[in-house]
């Protein structure tokens, strides 16, 4: 913990001074002055992942100063602290050990003096057996039919992770297996899935650590009733499994405790896809492929622990993000995967980033006096080129972008992937170089426009350029590279939390609205007249009641 604000550190002050002198520097000038810039500013992991960060508003001096800040914040010690199981989640007094789930060398990992690896291995062995039993029809439904429709019921990390990973690895799904996901408390989400299913062939996975999450349990009870109405109460035990730690609640629901899979307090929700929360993924793609994803994440974990800060992929990306957020005043960034299989990655990273670092109190309990998590948004290219890219290219504020693309597509149909590659490469170059008014005028002249038209249109057709981006190149979207990619972003978020001196592993901000909803619920369901909210909320409750009569 720091006893003073990070803004008072010498390295922070030097970065502030450096930015004043550097802020008008053009990236295209940096490229013109250094023919080796791209090579100097590219890092890789194995043969699976490359990161080209050369199209950023940074120089070698900038990167040196940023790494000085990381060292003054004792980042290297903090990395060691997380991996050895120290209780770095200070508000909840917990270790942060999602990394233990992909500890592929099986080295001891101690929590409160106990090696947690035997428990982890036992749960994974149970997960392997169950997933294979479902895949190959050894675990059948109540009527003896194979379970081919897998429905994950969860919310937050218990939904976003499995949704994103299963979709990313859809090419690896076992033939005949289909995965569905229910998260939203809106009944439409539940009804839309149930309408597609046959009760005899459906397996429900209820993911809730406490088995009390209101959204998850409400959806689970609806699904339970749907199943029981069709097949009878005894069918529940053959069509529901639980990812939880609350044996009594699970048994009370009607699930056989033998079909309950455990996970631990040291695994936060948004980091839980590596655990049994990924059971739906394991059933769809097979436990071998699930473990290959763990292999990729472990490779990134080792890279993160062992590489010097200057050549450490998560650290470099994190510090560039600090540079923009805290010195350039750019408080948003976009993640654009140019691959349809990665379409849910931006939503997954929104939780990863903004739930982790959307904090305004530091680890000492003091209010922070600087920006923390930027707003993250994104979507799949090329679709988003026709939505928010207008703002990316010509908006009043630059938006740093992460472009992600595989060099090899799973679906080599015609020229599709070549066109996709050409688009993403062009976006990065266009954002960096832009187009001057003079260049725009020349183009307009060649198109036959009059002098008056050229004079009027040239500014509309020009682009400021000097807009930053990272280019993250994967060989292809496979379990190994996906694991490495997810772990890369996890560690990036961790590094930024260390710099901002905040606890990245709690999510207190999620609770207040949920608590207040429990008070409002009976007021909507019953004619309670003594409403004690603000006038707006009171009015809305009354209007809803009246409209529903």
Protein backbone atom coordinates (compact mmCIF):
# COMPACT_ATOMS: atom_id res chain seq x y z
CA UNK A 1 0.00 0.00 0.00
CA UNK A 2 1.13 3.52 -0.73
CA UNK A 3 0.93 6.08 2.03
CA UNK A 4 0.68 8.87 -0.48
CA UNK A 5 -1.05 9.51 -3.77
CA UNK A 6 0.50 8.03 -6.90
CA UNK A 7 0.35 11.55 -8.34
CA UNK A 8 3.07 12.57 -5.89
CA UNK A 9 5.55 9.96 -7.10
CA UNK A 10 8.64 11.30 -8.88
CA UNK A 11 8.01 9.09 -11.89
CA UNK A 12 4.45 10.44 -12.23
CA UNK A 13 5.73 14.02 -12.14
CA UNK A 14 8.28 13.23 -14.83
CA UNK A 15 5.59 11.75 -17.03
CA UNK A 16 3.46 14.87 -16.61
CA UNK A 17 6.41 17.00 -17.70
CA UNK A 18 7.21 14.67 -20.59
CA UNK A 19 3.62 14.78 -21.85
CA UNK A 20 3.66 18.58 -22.03
CA UNK A 21 6.59 18.43 -24.43
CA UNK A 22 5.49 15.34 -26.29
CA UNK A 23 1.73 15.80 -26.76
CA UNK A 24 1.96 17.44 -30.21
CA UNK A 25 4.26 14.75 -31.60
CA UNK A 26 2.88 13.02 -34.69
CA UNK A 27 3.17 9.25 -34.91
CA UNK A 28 3.88 9.38 -38.63
CA UNK A 29 6.93 11.53 -37.85
CA UNK A 30 8.13 8.91 -35.36
CA UNK A 31 7.84 6.26 -38.08
CA UNK A 32 9.64 8.48 -40.59
CA UNK A 33 12.53 9.03 -38.18
CA UNK A 34 12.95 5.37 -37.20
CA UNK A 35 12.77 2.65 -39.83
CA UNK A 36 12.94 0.00 -37.09
CA UNK A 37 10.08 1.40 -35.00
CA UNK A 38 7.66 -1.45 -35.72
CA UNK A 39 10.21 -4.11 -34.78
CA UNK A 40 11.21 -2.27 -31.61
CA UNK A 41 7.60 -1.92 -30.55
CA UNK A 42 6.41 -5.49 -31.17
CA UNK A 43 6.27 -8.32 -28.62
CA UNK A 44 5.22 -11.95 -28.95
CA UNK A 45 4.26 -15.04 -27.00
CA UNK A 46 5.31 -18.35 -28.50
CA UNK A 47 3.98 -18.69 -32.04
CA UNK A 48 0.46 -17.84 -30.94
CA UNK A 49 0.21 -14.11 -30.25
CA UNK A 50 1.96 -10.92 -31.39
CA UNK A 51 1.35 -7.38 -30.14
CA UNK A 52 2.42 -4.46 -32.34
CA UNK A 53 2.13 -1.30 -30.23
CA UNK A 54 4.11 0.91 -32.60
CA UNK A 55 1.01 2.93 -33.63
CA UNK A 56 0.85 4.67 -30.27
CA UNK A 57 1.76 8.20 -29.25
CA UNK A 58 4.83 7.00 -27.41
CA UNK A 59 8.58 7.16 -27.87
CA UNK A 60 11.29 5.03 -26.32
CA UNK A 61 11.65 7.72 -23.68
CA UNK A 62 7.91 7.56 -22.96
CA UNK A 63 8.12 3.81 -22.43
CA UNK A 64 11.15 4.18 -20.15
CA UNK A 65 9.32 6.72 -18.00
CA UNK A 66 6.23 4.53 -17.85
CA UNK A 67 8.29 1.56 -16.70
CA UNK A 68 9.92 3.76 -14.08
CA UNK A 69 6.44 4.50 -12.77
CA UNK A 70 5.65 0.77 -12.69
CA UNK A 71 8.81 0.10 -10.69
CA UNK A 72 8.17 2.97 -8.29
CA UNK A 73 4.74 1.42 -7.68
CA UNK A 74 6.57 -1.84 -6.86
CA UNK A 75 4.79 -3.71 -9.62
CA UNK A 76 7.24 -6.61 -9.74
CA UNK A 77 6.68 -7.33 -6.04
CA UNK A 78 2.91 -7.05 -6.50
CA UNK A 79 3.00 -9.64 -9.29
CA UNK A 80 4.87 -12.05 -7.02
CA UNK A 81 2.40 -11.32 -4.23
CA UNK A 82 -0.59 -12.31 -6.34
CA UNK A 83 0.91 -15.56 -7.62
CA UNK A 84 2.04 -16.76 -4.21
CA UNK A 85 -1.45 -16.36 -2.75
CA UNK A 86 -1.15 -13.23 -0.61
CA UNK A 87 -4.53 -11.74 0.31
CA UNK A 88 -4.33 -8.84 -2.13
CA UNK A 89 -8.13 -8.49 -2.24
CA UNK A 90 -7.91 -6.34 0.85
CA UNK A 91 -11.57 -5.38 1.30
CA UNK A 92 -12.64 -9.04 1.38
CA UNK A 93 -9.40 -10.41 2.89
CA UNK A 94 -8.97 -12.95 0.11
CA UNK A 95 -6.21 -14.31 -2.08
CA UNK A 96 -6.56 -13.83 -5.84
CA UNK A 97 -5.68 -17.15 -7.41
CA UNK A 98 -7.56 -17.73 -10.63
CA UNK A 99 -4.01 -18.32 -11.88
CA UNK A 100 -3.85 -21.49 -9.75
CA UNK A 101 -6.59 -22.98 -11.93
CA UNK A 102 -4.18 -23.00 -14.87
CA UNK A 103 -1.06 -23.92 -12.90
CA UNK A 104 -0.08 -26.52 -15.46
CA UNK A 105 3.17 -27.51 -13.71
CA UNK A 106 1.07 -28.30 -10.64
CA UNK A 107 3.46 -26.53 -8.29
CA UNK A 108 2.10 -26.06 -4.74
CA UNK A 109 0.00 -22.92 -4.26
CA UNK A 110 -0.53 -22.07 -0.61
CA UNK A 111 -3.61 -20.40 0.87
CA UNK A 112 -3.70 -20.10 4.66
CA UNK A 113 -0.89 -22.65 4.88
CA UNK A 114 -2.66 -25.22 2.71
CA UNK A 115 -1.77 -26.32 -0.82
CA UNK A 116 -4.94 -25.77 -2.89
CA UNK A 117 -3.74 -27.70 -5.93
CA UNK A 118 -5.02 -31.16 -4.80
CA UNK A 119 -8.55 -29.73 -4.45
CA UNK A 120 -8.33 -28.01 -7.82
CA UNK A 121 -7.10 -31.18 -9.48
CA UNK A 122 -9.90 -33.21 -7.90
CA UNK A 123 -12.58 -30.81 -9.15
CA UNK A 124 -11.09 -30.83 -12.65
CA UNK A 125 -11.04 -34.64 -12.62
CA UNK A 126 -14.73 -34.63 -11.67
CA UNK A 127 -15.40 -32.01 -14.35
CA UNK A 128 -13.63 -34.16 -16.96
CA UNK A 129 -15.59 -37.28 -16.08
CA UNK A 130 -18.95 -35.53 -16.04
CA UNK A 131 -18.38 -33.58 -19.26
CA UNK A 132 -17.29 -36.75 -21.07
CA UNK A 133 -20.23 -38.70 -19.67
CA UNK A 134 -22.62 -36.08 -21.07
CA UNK A 135 -20.80 -35.83 -24.40
CA UNK A 136 -20.81 -39.56 -25.00
CA UNK A 137 -24.23 -40.31 -23.58
CA UNK A 138 -23.20 -42.12 -20.40
CA UNK A 139 -25.04 -39.54 -18.27
CA UNK A 140 -28.55 -39.57 -19.71
CA UNK A 141 -31.72 -37.67 -19.01
CA UNK A 142 -34.72 -38.94 -17.05
CA UNK A 143 -36.22 -40.74 -20.06
CA UNK A 144 -32.93 -42.30 -21.12
CA UNK A 145 -32.21 -39.90 -23.96
CA UNK A 146 -28.81 -38.28 -24.55
CA UNK A 147 -28.52 -34.72 -23.24
CA UNK A 148 -27.64 -32.56 -26.22
CA UNK A 149 -28.94 -29.13 -25.19
CA UNK A 150 -26.74 -27.53 -22.51
CA UNK A 151 -28.22 -24.47 -20.78
CA UNK A 152 -25.98 -22.37 -18.53
CA UNK A 153 -27.95 -20.27 -16.04
CA UNK A 154 -25.81 -17.56 -14.44
CA UNK A 155 -25.09 -13.86 -14.47
CA UNK A 156 -21.99 -11.66 -14.54
CA UNK A 157 -18.85 -13.76 -14.67
CA UNK A 158 -20.92 -16.94 -14.43
CA UNK A 159 -22.42 -16.03 -17.80
CA UNK A 160 -20.10 -13.68 -19.68
CA UNK A 161 -17.10 -16.00 -19.51
CA UNK A 162 -18.84 -19.20 -20.69
CA UNK A 163 -20.76 -17.28 -23.39
CA UNK A 164 -17.66 -15.63 -24.77
CA UNK A 165 -15.42 -18.71 -24.66
CA UNK A 166 -17.99 -21.14 -26.03
CA UNK A 167 -18.73 -18.82 -28.94
CA UNK A 168 -15.03 -18.18 -29.57
CA UNK A 169 -14.46 -21.95 -29.76
CA UNK A 170 -17.64 -22.79 -31.63
CA UNK A 171 -15.64 -24.49 -34.37
CA UNK A 172 -14.59 -27.05 -31.75
CA UNK A 173 -18.10 -27.93 -30.54
CA UNK A 174 -18.99 -31.62 -30.60
CA UNK A 175 -21.47 -32.41 -33.36
CA UNK A 176 -24.97 -32.63 -31.94
CA UNK A 177 -24.22 -30.54 -28.82
CA UNK A 178 -25.82 -27.09 -28.53
CA UNK A 179 -25.16 -24.49 -25.83
CA UNK A 180 -27.60 -21.87 -24.59
CA UNK A 181 -27.22 -19.17 -21.96
CA UNK A 182 -29.77 -17.50 -19.69
CA UNK A 183 -28.67 -14.54 -17.59
CA UNK A 184 -31.07 -11.60 -17.74
CA UNK A 185 -33.87 -11.50 -15.17
CA UNK A 186 -36.11 -10.32 -18.00
CA UNK A 187 -38.44 -13.28 -18.51
CA UNK A 188 -38.08 -12.91 -22.26
CA UNK A 189 -34.49 -14.20 -22.03
CA UNK A 190 -35.67 -17.37 -20.32
CA UNK A 191 -38.70 -17.89 -22.55
CA UNK A 192 -36.71 -17.45 -25.76
CA UNK A 193 -34.33 -20.25 -24.78
CA UNK A 194 -36.97 -22.65 -23.44
CA UNK A 195 -38.98 -22.29 -26.64
CA UNK A 196 -36.09 -23.91 -28.54
CA UNK A 197 -35.64 -26.92 -26.25
CA UNK A 198 -36.89 -30.45 -25.72
CA UNK A 199 -37.09 -31.24 -21.97
CA UNK A 200 -35.93 -34.83 -22.54
CA UNK A 201 -32.60 -33.73 -24.03
CA UNK A 202 -31.84 -30.64 -21.94
CA UNK A 203 -29.27 -30.26 -19.16
CA UNK A 204 -29.38 -27.12 -16.99
CA UNK A 205 -26.20 -25.85 -15.30
CA UNK A 206 -27.02 -23.46 -12.46
CA UNK A 207 -24.00 -21.30 -11.68
CA UNK A 208 -24.22 -19.48 -8.36
CA UNK A 209 -21.58 -19.73 -5.65
CA UNK A 210 -24.06 -19.05 -2.81
CA UNK A 211 -27.09 -20.41 -4.67
CA UNK A 212 -28.93 -17.25 -3.65
CA UNK A 213 -28.28 -14.87 -6.60
CA UNK A 214 -31.77 -13.55 -7.32
CA UNK A 215 -31.46 -13.37 -11.12
CA UNK A 216 -29.93 -16.83 -11.42
CA UNK A 217 -32.27 -18.55 -8.97
CA UNK A 218 -35.36 -16.92 -10.47
CA UNK A 219 -34.40 -18.18 -13.91
CA UNK A 220 -33.45 -21.59 -12.50
CA UNK A 221 -36.83 -21.99 -10.78
CA UNK A 222 -38.63 -21.10 -14.00
CA UNK A 223 -36.62 -23.72 -15.87
CA UNK A 224 -37.22 -26.24 -13.08
CA UNK A 225 -40.98 -25.75 -13.31
CA UNK A 226 -40.85 -26.08 -17.11
CA UNK A 227 -38.97 -29.37 -16.79
CA UNK A 228 -41.06 -30.77 -13.94
CA UNK A 229 -44.30 -29.91 -15.73
CA UNK A 230 -43.10 -31.91 -18.72
CA UNK A 231 -41.30 -34.85 -17.10
CA UNK A 232 -42.27 -34.84 -13.42
CA UNK A 233 -40.42 -33.87 -10.24
CA UNK A 234 -38.02 -36.86 -10.22
CA UNK A 235 -36.54 -35.63 -13.52
CA UNK A 236 -34.94 -32.60 -11.83
CA UNK A 237 -32.05 -34.66 -10.44
CA UNK A 238 -31.14 -35.94 -13.92
CA UNK A 239 -31.44 -32.62 -15.74
CA UNK A 240 -29.90 -30.08 -13.31
CA UNK A 241 -26.37 -29.68 -12.00
CA UNK A 242 -25.01 -26.91 -9.76
CA UNK A 243 -21.81 -24.89 -9.72
CA UNK A 244 -21.91 -23.77 -6.11
CA UNK A 245 -20.60 -24.16 -2.58
CA UNK A 246 -23.99 -24.22 -0.81
CA UNK A 247 -24.82 -27.94 -0.48
CA UNK A 248 -28.04 -27.41 1.50
CA UNK A 249 -29.54 -24.94 -1.00
CA UNK A 250 -28.54 -27.20 -3.89
CA UNK A 251 -30.17 -30.23 -2.26
CA UNK A 252 -33.27 -28.19 -1.39
CA UNK A 253 -33.60 -27.25 -5.08
CA UNK A 254 -33.66 -30.94 -5.99
CA UNK A 255 -30.16 -31.31 -7.40
CA UNK A 256 -28.14 -34.35 -6.40
CA UNK A 257 -25.15 -33.03 -4.37
CA UNK A 258 -23.00 -35.51 -6.30
CA UNK A 259 -23.69 -33.29 -9.31
CA UNK A 260 -22.54 -30.15 -7.52
CA UNK A 261 -19.18 -28.73 -8.58
CA UNK A 262 -17.21 -26.54 -6.19
CA UNK A 263 -15.14 -23.43 -6.69
CA UNK A 264 -13.40 -21.14 -4.25
CA UNK A 265 -13.40 -17.69 -2.70
CA UNK A 266 -10.00 -16.98 -4.21
CA UNK A 267 -11.59 -17.12 -7.70
CA UNK A 268 -13.53 -13.95 -8.45
CA UNK A 269 -16.59 -14.13 -10.69
CA UNK A 270 -15.05 -12.32 -13.64
CA UNK A 271 -12.03 -14.65 -13.48
CA UNK A 272 -14.04 -17.84 -13.06
CA UNK A 273 -14.29 -19.21 -16.60
CA UNK A 274 -11.11 -21.18 -15.84
CA UNK A 275 -12.98 -23.06 -13.10
CA UNK A 276 -16.06 -25.30 -13.18
CA UNK A 277 -17.93 -22.18 -14.33
CA UNK A 278 -16.55 -23.33 -17.68
CA UNK A 279 -18.41 -26.66 -17.46
CA UNK A 280 -20.67 -25.76 -20.40
CA UNK A 281 -17.53 -25.02 -22.43
CA UNK A 282 -15.97 -28.35 -21.45
CA UNK A 283 -19.10 -30.23 -22.51
CA UNK A 284 -19.23 -28.40 -25.84
CA UNK A 285 -15.55 -28.54 -26.84
CA UNK A 286 -14.24 -31.36 -24.67
CA UNK A 287 -12.04 -31.25 -21.60
CA UNK A 288 -8.89 -31.69 -23.71
CA UNK A 289 -9.61 -28.42 -25.51
CA UNK A 290 -10.58 -26.75 -22.23
CA UNK A 291 -7.18 -27.74 -20.84
CA UNK A 292 -5.44 -26.41 -23.96
CA UNK A 293 -7.05 -23.07 -23.10
CA UNK A 294 -5.56 -23.39 -19.61
CA UNK A 295 -2.19 -24.11 -21.28
CA UNK A 296 -2.37 -20.85 -23.23
CA UNK A 297 -3.29 -18.88 -20.13
CA UNK A 298 -0.44 -20.52 -18.21
CA UNK A 299 2.02 -19.55 -20.94
CA UNK A 300 0.88 -15.93 -20.54
CA UNK A 301 1.11 -16.26 -16.74
CA UNK A 302 4.74 -17.38 -17.01
CA UNK A 303 5.49 -14.59 -19.47
CA UNK A 304 3.92 -12.10 -17.06
CA UNK A 305 5.95 -13.39 -14.12
CA UNK A 306 9.29 -13.84 -15.85
CA UNK A 307 9.73 -11.22 -18.57
CA UNK A 308 11.31 -7.83 -17.81
CA UNK A 309 8.75 -5.04 -17.64
CA UNK A 310 9.95 -3.50 -20.90
CA UNK A 311 9.19 -6.69 -22.87
CA UNK A 312 6.22 -7.87 -20.83
CA UNK A 313 3.07 -7.82 -22.97
CA UNK A 314 0.43 -7.17 -20.25
CA UNK A 315 2.66 -4.58 -18.57
CA UNK A 316 3.34 -2.70 -21.80
CA UNK A 317 -0.34 -2.60 -22.74
CA UNK A 318 -1.32 -1.55 -19.22
CA UNK A 319 1.20 1.28 -19.05
CA UNK A 320 0.22 2.61 -22.47
CA UNK A 321 -3.34 2.65 -21.15
CA UNK A 322 -2.16 4.61 -18.10
CA UNK A 323 -0.41 7.07 -20.43
CA UNK A 324 -3.62 7.82 -22.32
CA UNK A 325 -6.01 7.76 -19.36
CA UNK A 326 -3.99 9.77 -16.88
CA UNK A 327 -1.70 11.98 -18.93
CA UNK A 328 -3.42 12.45 -22.30
CA UNK A 329 -6.90 12.65 -20.75
CA UNK A 330 -8.40 9.97 -23.03
CA UNK A 331 -10.95 8.20 -20.85
CA UNK A 332 -12.36 5.60 -23.21
CA UNK A 333 -11.00 2.89 -25.44
CA UNK A 334 -12.30 0.37 -27.93
CA UNK A 335 -11.65 -3.34 -28.41
CA UNK A 336 -12.36 -4.45 -31.98
CA UNK A 337 -11.97 -8.16 -32.76
CA UNK A 338 -11.99 -8.81 -36.50
CA UNK A 339 -13.37 -12.29 -36.06
CA UNK A 340 -16.99 -13.31 -35.72
CA UNK A 341 -16.12 -15.97 -33.15
CA UNK A 342 -14.81 -13.22 -30.83
CA UNK A 343 -17.95 -11.10 -31.04
CA UNK A 344 -18.62 -11.40 -27.30
CA UNK A 345 -15.07 -10.50 -26.26
CA UNK A 346 -15.75 -6.73 -25.83
CA UNK A 347 -18.70 -7.43 -23.50
CA UNK A 348 -16.57 -9.87 -21.52
CA UNK A 349 -13.76 -7.32 -21.23
CA UNK A 350 -16.18 -4.61 -20.15
CA UNK A 351 -16.78 -6.54 -16.95
CA UNK A 352 -13.13 -7.52 -16.65
CA UNK A 353 -11.95 -3.93 -16.90
CA UNK A 354 -14.69 -1.69 -15.54
CA UNK A 355 -15.87 -3.91 -12.68
CA UNK A 356 -12.27 -4.44 -11.61
CA UNK A 357 -10.99 -0.89 -11.82
CA UNK A 358 -14.09 1.27 -11.70
CA UNK A 359 -13.11 2.45 -8.22
CA UNK A 360 -12.84 5.88 -6.58
CA UNK A 361 -11.29 4.82 -3.25
CA UNK A 362 -7.69 3.62 -2.97
CA UNK A 363 -6.36 0.74 -0.86
CA UNK A 364 -5.82 3.10 2.07
CA UNK A 365 -9.45 4.21 2.08
CA UNK A 366 -8.71 7.63 0.57
CA UNK A 367 -10.62 9.07 -2.38
CA UNK A 368 -8.50 9.00 -5.51
CA UNK A 369 -7.66 12.26 -7.27
CA UNK A 370 -7.10 10.85 -10.74
CA UNK A 371 -9.00 8.88 -13.36
CA UNK A 372 -9.19 5.12 -12.95
CA UNK A 373 -10.89 2.73 -15.38
CA UNK A 374 -11.71 4.19 -18.82
CA UNK A 375 -14.99 3.33 -20.51
CA UNK A 376 -14.52 0.26 -22.72
CA UNK A 377 -16.69 -0.41 -25.73
CA UNK A 378 -16.38 -2.38 -28.93
CA UNK A 379 -17.79 -4.91 -31.33
CA UNK A 380 -16.86 -7.16 -34.20
CA UNK A 381 -15.22 -5.70 -37.30
CA UNK A 382 -16.22 -4.99 -40.00
CA UNK A 383 -19.72 -4.40 -38.60
CA UNK A 384 -18.59 -1.62 -36.29
CA UNK A 385 -16.84 0.20 -39.12
CA UNK A 386 -20.37 1.10 -40.17
CA UNK A 387 -21.49 2.19 -36.71
CA UNK A 388 -19.13 3.98 -34.30
CA UNK A 389 -16.02 4.25 -36.49
CA UNK A 390 -17.15 7.69 -37.61
CA UNK A 391 -16.41 8.85 -34.07
CA UNK A 392 -13.15 6.86 -33.97
CA UNK A 393 -11.85 8.60 -37.10
CA UNK A 394 -13.30 12.11 -36.90
CA UNK A 395 -14.64 12.63 -33.39
CA UNK A 396 -13.30 15.46 -31.26
CA UNK A 397 -11.40 13.09 -28.93
CA UNK A 398 -9.08 10.26 -29.91
CA UNK A 399 -10.14 6.78 -28.85
CA UNK A 400 -7.28 4.28 -28.42
CA UNK A 401 -8.16 0.96 -30.07
CA UNK A 402 -7.13 -2.66 -29.74
CA UNK A 403 -7.50 -4.43 -33.07
CA UNK A 404 -7.53 -8.24 -32.74
CA UNK A 405 -7.39 -10.62 -35.68
CA UNK A 406 -6.28 -14.18 -36.52
CA UNK A 407 -3.92 -14.56 -39.47
CA UNK A 408 -5.67 -17.82 -40.38
CA UNK A 409 -9.43 -18.20 -40.50
CA UNK A 410 -11.36 -21.35 -39.66
CA UNK A 411 -13.61 -20.59 -42.61
CA UNK A 412 -11.60 -19.90 -45.75
CA UNK A 413 -14.55 -19.06 -47.98
CA UNK A 414 -13.65 -17.14 -51.11
CA UNK A 415 -11.84 -13.89 -50.38
CA UNK A 416 -13.64 -13.19 -47.09
CA UNK A 417 -10.65 -13.41 -44.76
CA UNK A 418 -8.34 -11.51 -47.12
CA UNK A 419 -10.86 -8.67 -47.24
CA UNK A 420 -11.20 -8.79 -43.45
CA UNK A 421 -7.42 -8.61 -43.01
CA UNK A 422 -7.17 -5.74 -45.48
CA UNK A 423 -9.84 -3.82 -43.55
CA UNK A 424 -8.24 -4.14 -40.13
CA UNK A 425 -4.77 -3.24 -41.46
CA UNK A 426 -6.23 -0.23 -43.23
CA UNK A 427 -8.02 0.97 -40.09
CA UNK A 428 -4.83 1.09 -38.06
CA UNK A 429 -2.92 2.89 -40.78
CA UNK A 430 -5.76 5.34 -41.46
CA UNK A 431 -6.10 6.22 -37.78
CA UNK A 432 -2.36 6.82 -37.54
CA UNK A 433 -1.78 8.72 -40.79
CA UNK A 434 -5.08 10.49 -41.34
CA UNK A 435 -5.57 12.71 -44.38
CA UNK A 436 -4.62 16.37 -44.63
CA UNK A 437 -6.87 19.03 -46.13
CA UNK A 438 -4.39 19.33 -48.98
CA UNK A 439 -4.64 15.60 -49.71
CA UNK A 440 -8.42 15.79 -49.50
CA UNK A 441 -8.45 18.73 -51.93
CA UNK A 442 -6.32 16.80 -54.42
CA UNK A 443 -8.72 13.85 -54.31
CA UNK A 444 -11.72 16.12 -54.78
CA UNK A 445 -10.02 17.81 -57.72
CA UNK A 446 -9.37 14.44 -59.40
CA UNK A 447 -13.03 13.53 -58.93
CA UNK A 448 -14.07 16.58 -60.95
CA UNK A 449 -15.30 18.86 -58.17
CA UNK A 450 -15.34 22.62 -58.74
CA UNK A 451 -13.10 25.00 -56.80
CA UNK A 452 -16.08 26.08 -54.74
CA UNK A 453 -17.00 22.47 -53.94
CA UNK A 454 -13.39 21.64 -53.08
CA UNK A 455 -13.11 24.65 -50.80
CA UNK A 456 -16.25 23.64 -48.97
CA UNK A 457 -15.74 19.85 -48.80
CA UNK A 458 -12.03 19.48 -48.10
CA UNK A 459 -12.35 19.91 -44.36
CA UNK A 460 -15.18 17.38 -44.14
CA UNK A 461 -13.06 14.90 -46.09
CA UNK A 462 -9.90 15.33 -44.01
CA UNK A 463 -8.81 13.24 -41.02
CA UNK A 464 -6.61 14.47 -38.19
CA UNK A 465 -4.79 11.15 -37.81
CA UNK A 466 -2.39 10.60 -34.90
CA UNK A 467 -5.02 8.32 -33.37
CA UNK A 468 -3.52 5.37 -31.51
CA UNK A 469 -4.08 1.64 -31.81
CA UNK A 470 -2.58 -1.70 -30.78
CA UNK A 471 -2.58 -4.57 -33.25
CA UNK A 472 -2.99 -7.98 -31.60
CA UNK A 473 -2.34 -10.75 -34.09
CA UNK A 474 -3.20 -14.37 -33.35
CA UNK A 475 -2.15 -17.23 -35.58
CA UNK A 476 -5.73 -18.51 -35.35
CA UNK A 477 -8.57 -18.66 -32.85
CA UNK A 478 -7.90 -21.92 -31.05
CA UNK A 479 -8.09 -22.89 -27.36
CA UNK A 480 -4.41 -22.12 -26.69
CA UNK A 481 -4.35 -18.65 -28.25
CA UNK A 482 -7.71 -17.77 -26.69
CA UNK A 483 -6.39 -18.70 -23.24
CA UNK A 484 -3.33 -16.53 -23.77
CA UNK A 485 -5.45 -13.61 -25.01
CA UNK A 486 -7.82 -13.67 -22.03
CA UNK A 487 -4.95 -13.96 -19.53
CA UNK A 488 -3.20 -11.05 -21.25
CA UNK A 489 -6.17 -8.77 -20.58
CA UNK A 490 -6.56 -10.07 -17.01
CA UNK A 491 -2.98 -9.14 -16.21
CA UNK A 492 -3.26 -5.80 -17.98
CA UNK A 493 -6.20 -4.89 -15.72
CA UNK A 494 -4.27 -6.07 -12.66
CA UNK A 495 -1.26 -3.88 -13.53
CA UNK A 496 -3.41 -0.80 -13.96
CA UNK A 497 -5.06 -1.42 -10.59
CA UNK A 498 -1.60 -1.50 -8.99
CA UNK A 499 -0.65 1.80 -10.59
CA UNK A 500 -3.91 3.40 -9.45
CA UNK A 501 -3.43 1.89 -5.97
CA UNK A 502 -6.92 0.37 -5.88
CA UNK A 503 -8.37 -3.06 -5.07
CA UNK A 504 -9.17 -4.56 -8.48
CA UNK A 505 -10.83 -7.64 -7.02
CA UNK A 506 -13.96 -6.50 -5.22
CA UNK A 507 -17.15 -5.15 -6.78
CA UNK A 508 -18.94 -3.24 -4.05
CA UNK A 509 -20.56 -0.97 -6.64
CA UNK A 510 -22.67 -3.87 -7.92
CA UNK A 511 -24.49 -4.27 -4.60
CA UNK A 512 -26.35 -1.04 -3.82
CA UNK A 513 -28.88 -1.19 -6.65
CA UNK A 514 -29.50 -4.91 -5.97
CA UNK A 515 -30.18 -4.19 -2.28
CA UNK A 516 -32.62 -1.39 -3.11
CA UNK A 517 -34.39 -3.61 -5.68
CA UNK A 518 -35.27 -6.04 -2.87
CA UNK A 519 -37.07 -3.18 -1.08
CA UNK A 520 -38.94 -2.09 -4.21
CA UNK A 521 -40.01 -5.59 -5.28
CA UNK A 522 -42.81 -6.03 -2.68
CA UNK A 523 -44.02 -2.50 -3.41
CA UNK A 524 -44.55 -3.47 -7.05
CA UNK A 525 -46.20 -6.78 -6.18
CA UNK A 526 -48.53 -5.45 -3.46
CA UNK A 527 -50.51 -2.28 -3.04
CA UNK A 528 -48.13 -0.70 -0.53
CA UNK A 529 -49.19 2.92 -0.21
CA UNK A 530 -46.59 4.21 2.23
CA UNK A 531 -43.80 4.62 -0.35
CA UNK A 532 -40.66 6.15 1.11
CA UNK A 533 -38.48 6.78 -1.93
CA UNK A 534 -37.72 10.01 -3.74
CA UNK A 535 -40.66 11.56 -5.60
CA UNK A 536 -39.48 10.24 -8.97
CA UNK A 537 -39.20 6.61 -7.82
CA UNK A 538 -42.53 6.84 -5.96
CA UNK A 539 -44.21 8.22 -9.08
CA UNK A 540 -42.76 5.49 -11.30
CA UNK A 541 -43.93 2.72 -8.97
CA UNK A 542 -47.47 4.16 -9.02
CA UNK A 543 -47.43 4.57 -12.81
CA UNK A 544 -46.29 0.98 -13.33
CA UNK A 545 -49.03 -0.30 -11.02
CA UNK A 546 -51.67 1.75 -12.84
CA UNK A 547 -50.49 0.68 -16.30
CA UNK A 548 -50.62 -3.00 -15.29
CA UNK A 549 -54.24 -2.91 -14.07
